[in-house]
Amino acid sequence: MCVFAWLLYAYALQACAQSVAFSFDDGFDPRKQPEAAQWNARLLEQLRAARIEAMLFPAAGRVDSPDGLALVRAWGEAGHVIGNHTYSHRNLNAVAVVATDFLADVERADTLLKGMPGWRPMLRFPYLKEGGDAQERDAVRAWMAQHRYRHAPPSIDTSDWYYNQRFLAMREACPDCERSTLKQAYLAHLLERARYYDDLARRTLGRSPRHVLLLHANAINAEYLADVAASFRAAGWTIIAPMHAYRDKMYRMTPAIVPAGESIVWALAKARDTQGLRYPAEDGIYEAPKLDALGD
């Protein structure tokens, strides 16, 4: 009876387990961002202090300078993984972007970044858009299979980029003002989105997968990443390495939806005709009312 009870307990723990890897898109451009080096160093220091191995997907055009590439190299030298986010950060779902041009952009980024320490041939689609029609979607998937490129979608999508815009605007308007209200709203947003996608995954897959969280290399994360990590751990999440997360079989699934993209969890739910999914899955329009209300 005791053995049976222990097995039930172990199963319950496994069923409730939540794990997440941290990934960061875009990278910093020292040519346009005077604080790029400081932000990059602060992100890396917070990751080191929190004992987190992360993954960076540079948009290669943004880091295509000696100083920009040095910032990317610092991630690899610190033990983080480097992937491909294309060169020009084009939206594959846009009518003006065709698969052949998109793939040329992927190859251009590959040429620039493949010598980096920590490099892996893994593609994160800009805007999480994977093709506006089945022909484009399948052409890119065929190229990836031929060139042994792995798809690297997040499972948890967020609007951290929009919170970053608001953070920078507040900082410019009042550099010395206290911003704890925005910080708490940001942390709540990330945890709420994590809970949403985990619940959607459980309803779609019948389990909690090894999640990958979408963040960006930006000012708000340079400021609050330690708090982000602490808030996830306090909420019961285990932070894992990205390559461990990507061994989950969920990331090898290829949902046949059009337009293709969004987080892998959203796409799988859409392929199963789950009702109530908003499109786009994440955007500033959903967050603006919440942040506008902070000033009331």
C-alpha atoms as a PDB file:
ATOM      1  CA  MET A   1       0.000   0.000   0.000  1.00  0.00           C
ATOM      2  CA  CYS A   2       2.883   2.340   0.846  1.00  0.00           C
ATOM      3  CA  VAL A   3       4.523   1.637  -2.512  1.00  0.00           C
ATOM      4  CA  PHE A   4       1.241   2.393  -4.297  1.00  0.00           C
ATOM      5  CA  ALA A   5       0.845   5.654  -2.381  1.00  0.00           C
ATOM      6  CA  TRP A   6       4.431   6.650  -3.222  1.00  0.00           C
ATOM      7  CA  LEU A   7       3.816   5.976  -6.922  1.00  0.00           C
ATOM      8  CA  LEU A   8       0.703   8.137  -6.850  1.00  0.00           C
ATOM      9  CA  TYR A   9       2.674  10.911  -5.157  1.00  0.00           C
ATOM     10  CA  ALA A  10       5.496  10.643  -7.693  1.00  0.00           C
ATOM     11  CA  TYR A  11       3.009  10.740 -10.579  1.00  0.00           C
ATOM     12  CA  ALA A  12       1.315  13.816  -9.098  1.00  0.00           C
ATOM     13  CA  LEU A  13       4.643  15.588  -8.807  1.00  0.00           C
ATOM     14  CA  GLN A  14       5.483  14.781 -12.427  1.00  0.00           C
ATOM     15  CA  ALA A  15       2.043  15.893 -13.624  1.00  0.00           C
ATOM     16  CA  CYS A  16       2.384  19.248 -11.877  1.00  0.00           C
ATOM     17  CA  ALA A  17       6.060  19.844 -12.731  1.00  0.00           C
ATOM     18  CA  GLN A  18       6.734  23.027 -14.665  1.00  0.00           C
ATOM     19  CA  SER A  19      10.073  23.663 -16.326  1.00  0.00           C
ATOM     20  CA  VAL A  20      11.175  26.510 -18.558  1.00  0.00           C
ATOM     21  CA  ALA A  21      14.247  27.584 -20.506  1.00  0.00           C
ATOM     22  CA  PHE A  22      15.026  31.244 -21.178  1.00  0.00           C
ATOM     23  CA  SER A  23      15.635  32.410 -24.754  1.00  0.00           C
ATOM     24  CA  PHE A  24      16.401  35.900 -26.023  1.00  0.00           C
ATOM     25  CA  ASP A  25      15.800  37.312 -29.506  1.00  0.00           C
ATOM     26  CA  ASP A  26      17.493  39.999 -31.604  1.00  0.00           C
ATOM     27  CA  GLY A  27      20.635  41.092 -29.725  1.00  0.00           C
ATOM     28  CA  PHE A  28      21.923  44.630 -29.225  1.00  0.00           C
ATOM     29  CA  ASP A  29      23.162  47.033 -31.909  1.00  0.00           C
ATOM     30  CA  PRO A  30      25.979  49.266 -30.575  1.00  0.00           C
ATOM     31  CA  ARG A  31      25.648  51.461 -33.678  1.00  0.00           C
ATOM     32  CA  LYS A  32      22.144  52.525 -32.615  1.00  0.00           C
ATOM     33  CA  GLN A  33      22.039  51.741 -28.886  1.00  0.00           C
ATOM     34  CA  PRO A  34      24.660  53.648 -26.881  1.00  0.00           C
ATOM     35  CA  GLU A  35      24.023  51.433 -23.842  1.00  0.00           C
ATOM     36  CA  ALA A  36      24.300  48.169 -25.791  1.00  0.00           C
ATOM     37  CA  ALA A  37      27.489  46.973 -24.115  1.00  0.00           C
ATOM     38  CA  GLN A  38      26.216  47.803 -20.627  1.00  0.00           C
ATOM     39  CA  TRP A  39      22.852  46.105 -21.232  1.00  0.00           C
ATOM     40  CA  ASN A  40      24.542  43.043 -22.677  1.00  0.00           C
ATOM     41  CA  ALA A  41      26.908  42.787 -19.717  1.00  0.00           C
ATOM     42  CA  ARG A  42      24.063  43.192 -17.217  1.00  0.00           C
ATOM     43  CA  LEU A  43      22.048  40.428 -18.869  1.00  0.00           C
ATOM     44  CA  LEU A  44      25.009  38.075 -18.811  1.00  0.00           C
ATOM     45  CA  GLU A  45      25.853  38.905 -15.208  1.00  0.00           C
ATOM     46  CA  GLN A  46      22.284  38.258 -14.058  1.00  0.00           C
ATOM     47  CA  LEU A  47      22.199  34.962 -15.941  1.00  0.00           C
ATOM     48  CA  ARG A  48      25.507  33.980 -14.331  1.00  0.00           C
ATOM     49  CA  ALA A  49      24.345  34.943 -10.849  1.00  0.00           C
ATOM     50  CA  ALA A  50      21.072  33.032 -11.299  1.00  0.00           C
ATOM     51  CA  ARG A  51      22.936  30.009 -12.712  1.00  0.00           C
ATOM     52  CA  ILE A  52      20.897  30.035 -15.911  1.00  0.00           C
ATOM     53  CA  GLU A  53      22.065  28.734 -19.264  1.00  0.00           C
ATOM     54  CA  ALA A  54      20.105  30.600 -21.937  1.00  0.00           C
ATOM     55  CA  MET A  55      19.905  30.859 -25.714  1.00  0.00           C
ATOM     56  CA  LEU A  56      20.370  33.948 -27.889  1.00  0.00           C
ATOM     57  CA  PHE A  57      18.859  34.263 -31.365  1.00  0.00           C
ATOM     58  CA  PRO A  58      20.586  37.299 -32.913  1.00  0.00           C
ATOM     59  CA  ALA A  59      19.009  39.089 -35.842  1.00  0.00           C
ATOM     60  CA  ALA A  60      22.350  39.133 -37.589  1.00  0.00           C
ATOM     61  CA  GLY A  61      21.904  42.478 -39.317  1.00  0.00           C
ATOM     62  CA  ARG A  62      21.576  44.140 -35.921  1.00  0.00           C
ATOM     63  CA  VAL A  63      24.866  42.723 -34.679  1.00  0.00           C
ATOM     64  CA  ASP A  64      26.809  42.924 -37.952  1.00  0.00           C
ATOM     65  CA  SER A  65      29.617  45.124 -36.714  1.00  0.00           C
ATOM     66  CA  PRO A  66      32.808  44.314 -34.806  1.00  0.00           C
ATOM     67  CA  ASP A  67      31.291  45.600 -31.564  1.00  0.00           C
ATOM     68  CA  GLY A  68      27.954  43.885 -32.164  1.00  0.00           C
ATOM     69  CA  LEU A  69      29.542  40.530 -32.917  1.00  0.00           C
ATOM     70  CA  ALA A  70      31.704  40.890 -29.803  1.00  0.00           C
ATOM     71  CA  LEU A  71      28.512  41.148 -27.725  1.00  0.00           C
ATOM     72  CA  VAL A  72      27.146  37.964 -29.313  1.00  0.00           C
ATOM     73  CA  ARG A  73      30.457  36.180 -28.784  1.00  0.00           C
ATOM     74  CA  ALA A  74      30.297  37.076 -25.100  1.00  0.00           C
ATOM     75  CA  TRP A  75      27.113  34.988 -24.827  1.00  0.00           C
ATOM     76  CA  GLY A  76      28.772  31.960 -26.379  1.00  0.00           C
ATOM     77  CA  GLU A  77      31.900  32.349 -24.262  1.00  0.00           C
ATOM     78  CA  ALA A  78      29.694  32.494 -21.157  1.00  0.00           C
ATOM     79  CA  GLY A  79      28.253  29.079 -22.034  1.00  0.00           C
ATOM     80  CA  HIS A  80      25.025  30.143 -23.698  1.00  0.00           C
ATOM     81  CA  VAL A  81      23.722  28.772 -26.997  1.00  0.00           C
ATOM     82  CA  ILE A  82      23.627  30.888 -30.177  1.00  0.00           C
ATOM     83  CA  GLY A  83      20.992  30.338 -32.863  1.00  0.00           C
ATOM     84  CA  ASN A  84      19.747  32.000 -36.057  1.00  0.00           C
ATOM     85  CA  HIS A  85      17.047  34.693 -36.214  1.00  0.00           C
ATOM     86  CA  THR A  86      17.731  35.563 -39.880  1.00  0.00           C
ATOM     87  CA  TYR A  87      19.752  38.564 -41.034  1.00  0.00           C
ATOM     88  CA  SER A  88      17.093  41.191 -41.789  1.00  0.00           C
ATOM     89  CA  HIS A  89      14.297  40.110 -39.401  1.00  0.00           C
ATOM     90  CA  ARG A  90      11.654  39.827 -42.128  1.00  0.00           C
ATOM     91  CA  ASN A  91       8.098  38.669 -41.547  1.00  0.00           C
ATOM     92  CA  LEU A  92       7.594  35.541 -43.666  1.00  0.00           C
ATOM     93  CA  ASN A  93       3.823  36.003 -43.506  1.00  0.00           C
ATOM     94  CA  ALA A  94       4.060  39.375 -45.261  1.00  0.00           C
ATOM     95  CA  VAL A  95       2.952  39.350 -48.900  1.00  0.00           C
ATOM     96  CA  ALA A  96       6.163  41.076 -49.994  1.00  0.00           C
ATOM     97  CA  VAL A  97       8.413  38.375 -48.454  1.00  0.00           C
ATOM     98  CA  VAL A  98       8.826  35.195 -50.496  1.00  0.00           C
ATOM     99  CA  ALA A  99      10.395  31.957 -49.301  1.00  0.00           C
ATOM    100  CA  THR A 100      13.469  32.168 -51.552  1.00  0.00           C
ATOM    101  CA  ASP A 101      14.415  35.627 -50.257  1.00  0.00           C
ATOM    102  CA  PHE A 102      13.676  34.594 -46.681  1.00  0.00           C
ATOM    103  CA  LEU A 103      15.934  31.559 -46.963  1.00  0.00           C
ATOM    104  CA  ALA A 104      18.721  33.646 -48.490  1.00  0.00           C
ATOM    105  CA  ASP A 105      18.426  35.826 -45.402  1.00  0.00           C
ATOM    106  CA  VAL A 106      18.711  32.761 -43.152  1.00  0.00           C
ATOM    107  CA  GLU A 107      21.847  31.671 -45.022  1.00  0.00           C
ATOM    108  CA  ARG A 108      23.363  35.145 -44.737  1.00  0.00           C
ATOM    109  CA  ALA A 109      22.927  35.042 -40.964  1.00  0.00           C
ATOM    110  CA  ASP A 110      24.308  31.502 -40.866  1.00  0.00           C
ATOM    111  CA  THR A 111      27.485  32.627 -42.642  1.00  0.00           C
ATOM    112  CA  LEU A 112      27.992  35.474 -40.157  1.00  0.00           C
ATOM    113  CA  LEU A 113      27.263  33.568 -36.953  1.00  0.00           C
ATOM    114  CA  LYS A 114      28.277  29.940 -37.440  1.00  0.00           C
ATOM    115  CA  GLY A 115      31.796  30.517 -36.130  1.00  0.00           C
ATOM    116  CA  MET A 116      30.504  31.705 -32.758  1.00  0.00           C
ATOM    117  CA  PRO A 117      31.120  29.604 -29.646  1.00  0.00           C
ATOM    118  CA  GLY A 118      27.886  27.913 -28.658  1.00  0.00           C
ATOM    119  CA  TRP A 119      26.529  27.993 -32.232  1.00  0.00           C
ATOM    120  CA  ARG A 120      23.700  25.635 -33.170  1.00  0.00           C
ATOM    121  CA  PRO A 121      21.921  25.538 -36.580  1.00  0.00           C
ATOM    122  CA  MET A 122      18.531  26.346 -35.062  1.00  0.00           C
ATOM    123  CA  LEU A 123      16.079  28.864 -36.524  1.00  0.00           C
ATOM    124  CA  ARG A 124      13.765  31.175 -34.614  1.00  0.00           C
ATOM    125  CA  PHE A 125      11.367  32.835 -37.081  1.00  0.00           C
ATOM    126  CA  PRO A 126      11.076  36.633 -36.789  1.00  0.00           C
ATOM    127  CA  TYR A 127       7.725  37.610 -35.275  1.00  0.00           C
ATOM    128  CA  LEU A 128       7.139  33.827 -34.969  1.00  0.00           C
ATOM    129  CA  LYS A 129       5.681  33.925 -38.497  1.00  0.00           C
ATOM    130  CA  GLU A 130       6.387  30.752 -40.462  1.00  0.00           C
ATOM    131  CA  GLY A 131       4.575  31.331 -43.765  1.00  0.00           C
ATOM    132  CA  GLY A 132       1.435  33.012 -44.969  1.00  0.00           C
ATOM    133  CA  ASP A 133       0.443  30.022 -47.080  1.00  0.00           C
ATOM    134  CA  ALA A 134       1.179  26.306 -47.188  1.00  0.00           C
ATOM    135  CA  GLN A 135       3.604  26.638 -50.116  1.00  0.00           C
ATOM    136  CA  GLU A 136       5.885  29.072 -48.277  1.00  0.00           C
ATOM    137  CA  ARG A 137       5.601  27.163 -45.009  1.00  0.00           C
ATOM    138  CA  ASP A 138       6.530  23.856 -46.632  1.00  0.00           C
ATOM    139  CA  ALA A 139       9.340  25.326 -48.747  1.00  0.00           C
ATOM    140  CA  VAL A 140      11.083  26.620 -45.638  1.00  0.00           C
ATOM    141  CA  ARG A 141      10.510  23.374 -43.768  1.00  0.00           C
ATOM    142  CA  ALA A 142      12.006  21.415 -46.674  1.00  0.00           C
ATOM    143  CA  TRP A 143      15.084  23.677 -46.722  1.00  0.00           C
ATOM    144  CA  MET A 144      15.534  23.231 -42.979  1.00  0.00           C
ATOM    145  CA  ALA A 145      15.367  19.445 -43.266  1.00  0.00           C
ATOM    146  CA  GLN A 146      17.840  19.452 -46.166  1.00  0.00           C
ATOM    147  CA  HIS A 147      20.316  21.677 -44.305  1.00  0.00           C
ATOM    148  CA  ARG A 148      19.820  19.963 -40.937  1.00  0.00           C
ATOM    149  CA  TYR A 149      18.395  23.074 -39.334  1.00  0.00           C
ATOM    150  CA  ARG A 150      16.157  22.671 -36.322  1.00  0.00           C
ATOM    151  CA  HIS A 151      13.076  24.779 -35.719  1.00  0.00           C
ATOM    152  CA  ALA A 152      13.419  26.594 -32.401  1.00  0.00           C
ATOM    153  CA  PRO A 153      10.038  28.113 -31.510  1.00  0.00           C
ATOM    154  CA  PRO A 154       9.176  29.204 -28.008  1.00  0.00           C
ATOM    155  CA  SER A 155       6.308  27.517 -26.227  1.00  0.00           C
ATOM    156  CA  ILE A 156       5.606  30.595 -24.086  1.00  0.00           C
ATOM    157  CA  ASP A 157       5.170  33.802 -26.077  1.00  0.00           C
ATOM    158  CA  THR A 158       5.194  37.219 -24.385  1.00  0.00           C
ATOM    159  CA  SER A 159       4.980  40.921 -25.162  1.00  0.00           C
ATOM    160  CA  ASP A 160       8.170  41.834 -23.322  1.00  0.00           C
ATOM    161  CA  TRP A 161       9.123  43.998 -26.310  1.00  0.00           C
ATOM    162  CA  TYR A 162       6.086  46.198 -25.634  1.00  0.00           C
ATOM    163  CA  TYR A 163       6.863  46.472 -21.928  1.00  0.00           C
ATOM    164  CA  ASN A 164      10.364  47.470 -22.992  1.00  0.00           C
ATOM    165  CA  GLN A 165       8.954  50.301 -25.101  1.00  0.00           C
ATOM    166  CA  ARG A 166       6.990  51.578 -22.117  1.00  0.00           C
ATOM    167  CA  PHE A 167      10.011  51.169 -19.828  1.00  0.00           C
ATOM    168  CA  LEU A 168      12.215  53.236 -22.135  1.00  0.00           C
ATOM    169  CA  ALA A 169       9.535  55.913 -22.534  1.00  0.00           C
ATOM    170  CA  MET A 170       9.151  56.229 -18.757  1.00  0.00           C
ATOM    171  CA  ARG A 171      12.908  56.374 -18.286  1.00  0.00           C
ATOM    172  CA  GLU A 172      13.264  59.111 -20.893  1.00  0.00           C
ATOM    173  CA  ALA A 173      10.414  61.159 -19.407  1.00  0.00           C
ATOM    174  CA  CYS A 174      11.771  60.867 -15.872  1.00  0.00           C
ATOM    175  CA  PRO A 175      15.205  59.240 -15.551  1.00  0.00           C
ATOM    176  CA  ASP A 176      15.215  59.304 -11.750  1.00  0.00           C
ATOM    177  CA  CYS A 177      11.628  58.196 -11.182  1.00  0.00           C
ATOM    178  CA  GLU A 178      10.873  54.974  -9.358  1.00  0.00           C
ATOM    179  CA  ARG A 179       9.391  52.288 -11.643  1.00  0.00           C
ATOM    180  CA  SER A 180       8.417  49.481  -9.276  1.00  0.00           C
ATOM    181  CA  THR A 181       4.796  49.533 -10.461  1.00  0.00           C
ATOM    182  CA  LEU A 182       5.901  48.836 -14.025  1.00  0.00           C
ATOM    183  CA  LYS A 183       8.283  46.151 -12.801  1.00  0.00           C
ATOM    184  CA  GLN A 184       5.532  44.349 -10.933  1.00  0.00           C
ATOM    185  CA  ALA A 185       3.236  44.617 -13.964  1.00  0.00           C
ATOM    186  CA  TYR A 186       5.990  43.164 -16.139  1.00  0.00           C
ATOM    187  CA  LEU A 187       6.675  40.237 -13.825  1.00  0.00           C
ATOM    188  CA  ALA A 188       2.933  39.557 -13.575  1.00  0.00           C
ATOM    189  CA  HIS A 189       2.638  39.600 -17.373  1.00  0.00           C
ATOM    190  CA  LEU A 190       5.374  37.010 -17.841  1.00  0.00           C
ATOM    191  CA  LEU A 191       3.979  34.675 -15.201  1.00  0.00           C
ATOM    192  CA  GLU A 192       0.424  35.051 -16.493  1.00  0.00           C
ATOM    193  CA  ARG A 193       1.519  34.190 -20.022  1.00  0.00           C
ATOM    194  CA  ALA A 194       3.510  31.218 -18.703  1.00  0.00           C
ATOM    195  CA  ARG A 195       0.460  29.929 -16.850  1.00  0.00           C
ATOM    196  CA  TYR A 196      -1.718  30.446 -19.934  1.00  0.00           C
ATOM    197  CA  TYR A 197       0.545  28.506 -22.294  1.00  0.00           C
ATOM    198  CA  ASP A 198       1.161  25.772 -19.753  1.00  0.00           C
ATOM    199  CA  ASP A 199      -2.580  25.323 -19.311  1.00  0.00           C
ATOM    200  CA  LEU A 200      -3.066  25.344 -23.101  1.00  0.00           C
ATOM    201  CA  ALA A 201      -0.335  22.716 -23.444  1.00  0.00           C
ATOM    202  CA  ARG A 202      -1.947  20.505 -20.812  1.00  0.00           C
ATOM    203  CA  ARG A 203      -5.281  20.753 -22.619  1.00  0.00           C
ATOM    204  CA  THR A 204      -3.676  20.092 -26.004  1.00  0.00           C
ATOM    205  CA  LEU A 205      -0.981  17.531 -25.158  1.00  0.00           C
ATOM    206  CA  GLY A 206      -2.258  16.150 -21.878  1.00  0.00           C
ATOM    207  CA  ARG A 207       0.921  17.192 -20.082  1.00  0.00           C
ATOM    208  CA  SER A 208       3.192  20.087 -19.190  1.00  0.00           C
ATOM    209  CA  PRO A 209       6.087  20.120 -21.682  1.00  0.00           C
ATOM    210  CA  ARG A 210       9.555  21.502 -21.209  1.00  0.00           C
ATOM    211  CA  HIS A 211       8.810  25.109 -22.005  1.00  0.00           C
ATOM    212  CA  VAL A 212      10.919  27.733 -23.779  1.00  0.00           C
ATOM    213  CA  LEU A 213      10.160  31.340 -22.830  1.00  0.00           C
ATOM    214  CA  LEU A 214      10.452  34.092 -25.442  1.00  0.00           C
ATOM    215  CA  LEU A 215      12.230  37.214 -24.214  1.00  0.00           C
ATOM    216  CA  HIS A 216      14.360  39.811 -25.978  1.00  0.00           C
ATOM    217  CA  ALA A 217      17.801  41.231 -25.412  1.00  0.00           C
ATOM    218  CA  ASN A 218      16.514  44.630 -24.345  1.00  0.00           C
ATOM    219  CA  ALA A 219      16.663  47.281 -21.638  1.00  0.00           C
ATOM    220  CA  ILE A 220      13.840  46.011 -19.433  1.00  0.00           C
ATOM    221  CA  ASN A 221      15.380  42.571 -19.183  1.00  0.00           C
ATOM    222  CA  ALA A 222      18.799  44.073 -18.516  1.00  0.00           C
ATOM    223  CA  GLU A 223      17.123  45.867 -15.607  1.00  0.00           C
ATOM    224  CA  TYR A 224      14.867  43.137 -14.217  1.00  0.00           C
ATOM    225  CA  LEU A 225      16.109  39.720 -15.354  1.00  0.00           C
ATOM    226  CA  ALA A 226      17.141  38.690 -11.851  1.00  0.00           C
ATOM    227  CA  ASP A 227      13.607  39.491 -10.691  1.00  0.00           C
ATOM    228  CA  VAL A 228      12.163  37.530 -13.627  1.00  0.00           C
ATOM    229  CA  ALA A 229      14.168  34.454 -12.697  1.00  0.00           C
ATOM    230  CA  ALA A 230      13.301  34.794  -9.007  1.00  0.00           C
ATOM    231  CA  SER A 231       9.591  35.225  -9.726  1.00  0.00           C
ATOM    232  CA  PHE A 232       9.474  32.083 -11.872  1.00  0.00           C
ATOM    233  CA  ARG A 233      11.279  30.051  -9.250  1.00  0.00           C
ATOM    234  CA  ALA A 234       9.051  31.405  -6.490  1.00  0.00           C
ATOM    235  CA  ALA A 235       6.024  30.329  -8.552  1.00  0.00           C
ATOM    236  CA  GLY A 236       7.330  26.769  -8.679  1.00  0.00           C
ATOM    237  CA  TRP A 237       9.040  26.758 -12.065  1.00  0.00           C
ATOM    238  CA  THR A 238      12.354  24.986 -12.600  1.00  0.00           C
ATOM    239  CA  ILE A 239      14.657  26.854 -14.989  1.00  0.00           C
ATOM    240  CA  ILE A 240      16.416  24.438 -17.330  1.00  0.00           C
ATOM    241  CA  ALA A 241      18.937  24.619 -20.176  1.00  0.00           C
ATOM    242  CA  PRO A 242      17.538  25.372 -23.642  1.00  0.00           C
ATOM    243  CA  MET A 243      18.942  22.280 -25.313  1.00  0.00           C
ATOM    244  CA  HIS A 244      17.370  20.163 -22.593  1.00  0.00           C
ATOM    245  CA  ALA A 245      14.021  21.843 -23.275  1.00  0.00           C
ATOM    246  CA  TYR A 246      14.345  21.326 -27.023  1.00  0.00           C
ATOM    247  CA  ARG A 247      14.689  17.578 -26.532  1.00  0.00           C
ATOM    248  CA  ASP A 248      10.970  17.544 -25.711  1.00  0.00           C
ATOM    249  CA  LYS A 249       9.195  15.788 -28.583  1.00  0.00           C
ATOM    250  CA  MET A 250       6.719  18.688 -28.822  1.00  0.00           C
ATOM    251  CA  TYR A 251       9.321  20.763 -30.686  1.00  0.00           C
ATOM    252  CA  ARG A 252       9.554  18.167 -33.458  1.00  0.00           C
ATOM    253  CA  MET A 253       5.856  18.483 -34.273  1.00  0.00           C
ATOM    254  CA  THR A 254       4.840  20.325 -37.447  1.00  0.00           C
ATOM    255  CA  PRO A 255       1.309  21.716 -37.099  1.00  0.00           C
ATOM    256  CA  ALA A 256      -0.361  22.138 -40.492  1.00  0.00           C
ATOM    257  CA  ILE A 257      -1.909  25.561 -39.967  1.00  0.00           C
ATOM    258  CA  VAL A 258      -2.036  28.638 -42.200  1.00  0.00           C
ATOM    259  CA  PRO A 259      -0.950  31.261 -41.548  1.00  0.00           C
ATOM    260  CA  ALA A 260       1.804  29.272 -39.852  1.00  0.00           C
ATOM    261  CA  GLY A 261       3.560  30.297 -36.684  1.00  0.00           C
ATOM    262  CA  GLU A 262       3.049  31.705 -33.181  1.00  0.00           C
ATOM    263  CA  SER A 263       4.298  29.643 -30.238  1.00  0.00           C
ATOM    264  CA  ILE A 264       4.464  25.891 -30.799  1.00  0.00           C
ATOM    265  CA  VAL A 265       1.802  25.386 -28.118  1.00  0.00           C
ATOM    266  CA  TRP A 266      -0.547  27.892 -29.786  1.00  0.00           C
ATOM    267  CA  ALA A 267       0.067  26.329 -33.215  1.00  0.00           C
ATOM    268  CA  LEU A 268      -0.656  22.807 -31.971  1.00  0.00           C
ATOM    269  CA  ALA A 269      -3.823  24.010 -30.272  1.00  0.00           C
ATOM    270  CA  LYS A 270      -4.885  25.779 -33.466  1.00  0.00           C
ATOM    271  CA  ALA A 271      -4.250  22.620 -35.500  1.00  0.00           C
ATOM    272  CA  ARG A 272      -6.649  20.808 -33.171  1.00  0.00           C
ATOM    273  CA  ASP A 273      -9.284  23.489 -33.739  1.00  0.00           C
ATOM    274  CA  THR A 274      -9.153  24.835 -30.174  1.00  0.00           C
ATOM    275  CA  GLN A 275     -11.655  27.646 -29.838  1.00  0.00           C
ATOM    276  CA  GLY A 276     -10.968  31.055 -28.327  1.00  0.00           C
ATOM    277  CA  LEU A 277      -7.384  31.507 -29.546  1.00  0.00           C
ATOM    278  CA  ARG A 278      -6.651  35.152 -30.283  1.00  0.00           C
ATOM    279  CA  TYR A 279      -4.553  36.166 -33.297  1.00  0.00           C
ATOM    280  CA  PRO A 280      -1.904  37.399 -33.126  1.00  0.00           C
ATOM    281  CA  ALA A 281      -1.376  35.441 -29.948  1.00  0.00           C
ATOM    282  CA  GLU A 282       0.559  38.274 -28.275  1.00  0.00           C
ATOM    283  CA  ASP A 283       0.687  41.971 -29.084  1.00  0.00           C
ATOM    284  CA  GLY A 284       0.956  45.373 -27.489  1.00  0.00           C
ATOM    285  CA  ILE A 285      -2.731  46.025 -28.098  1.00  0.00           C
ATOM    286  CA  TYR A 286      -3.568  43.501 -25.384  1.00  0.00           C
ATOM    287  CA  GLU A 287      -1.175  45.070 -22.874  1.00  0.00           C
ATOM    288  CA  ALA A 288      -1.695  48.782 -23.510  1.00  0.00           C
ATOM    289  CA  PRO A 289      -4.903  49.121 -21.424  1.00  0.00           C
ATOM    290  CA  LYS A 290      -3.237  47.488 -18.427  1.00  0.00           C
ATOM    291  CA  LEU A 291      -0.222  49.760 -18.575  1.00  0.00           C
ATOM    292  CA  ASP A 292      -2.296  52.855 -19.326  1.00  0.00           C
ATOM    293  CA  ALA A 293      -4.261  52.135 -16.157  1.00  0.00           C
ATOM    294  CA  LEU A 294      -1.079  52.289 -14.071  1.00  0.00           C
ATOM    295  CA  GLY A 295      -1.091  56.061 -14.503  1.00  0.00           C
ATOM    296  CA  ASP A 296      -4.681  56.482 -13.310  1.00  0.00           C
END
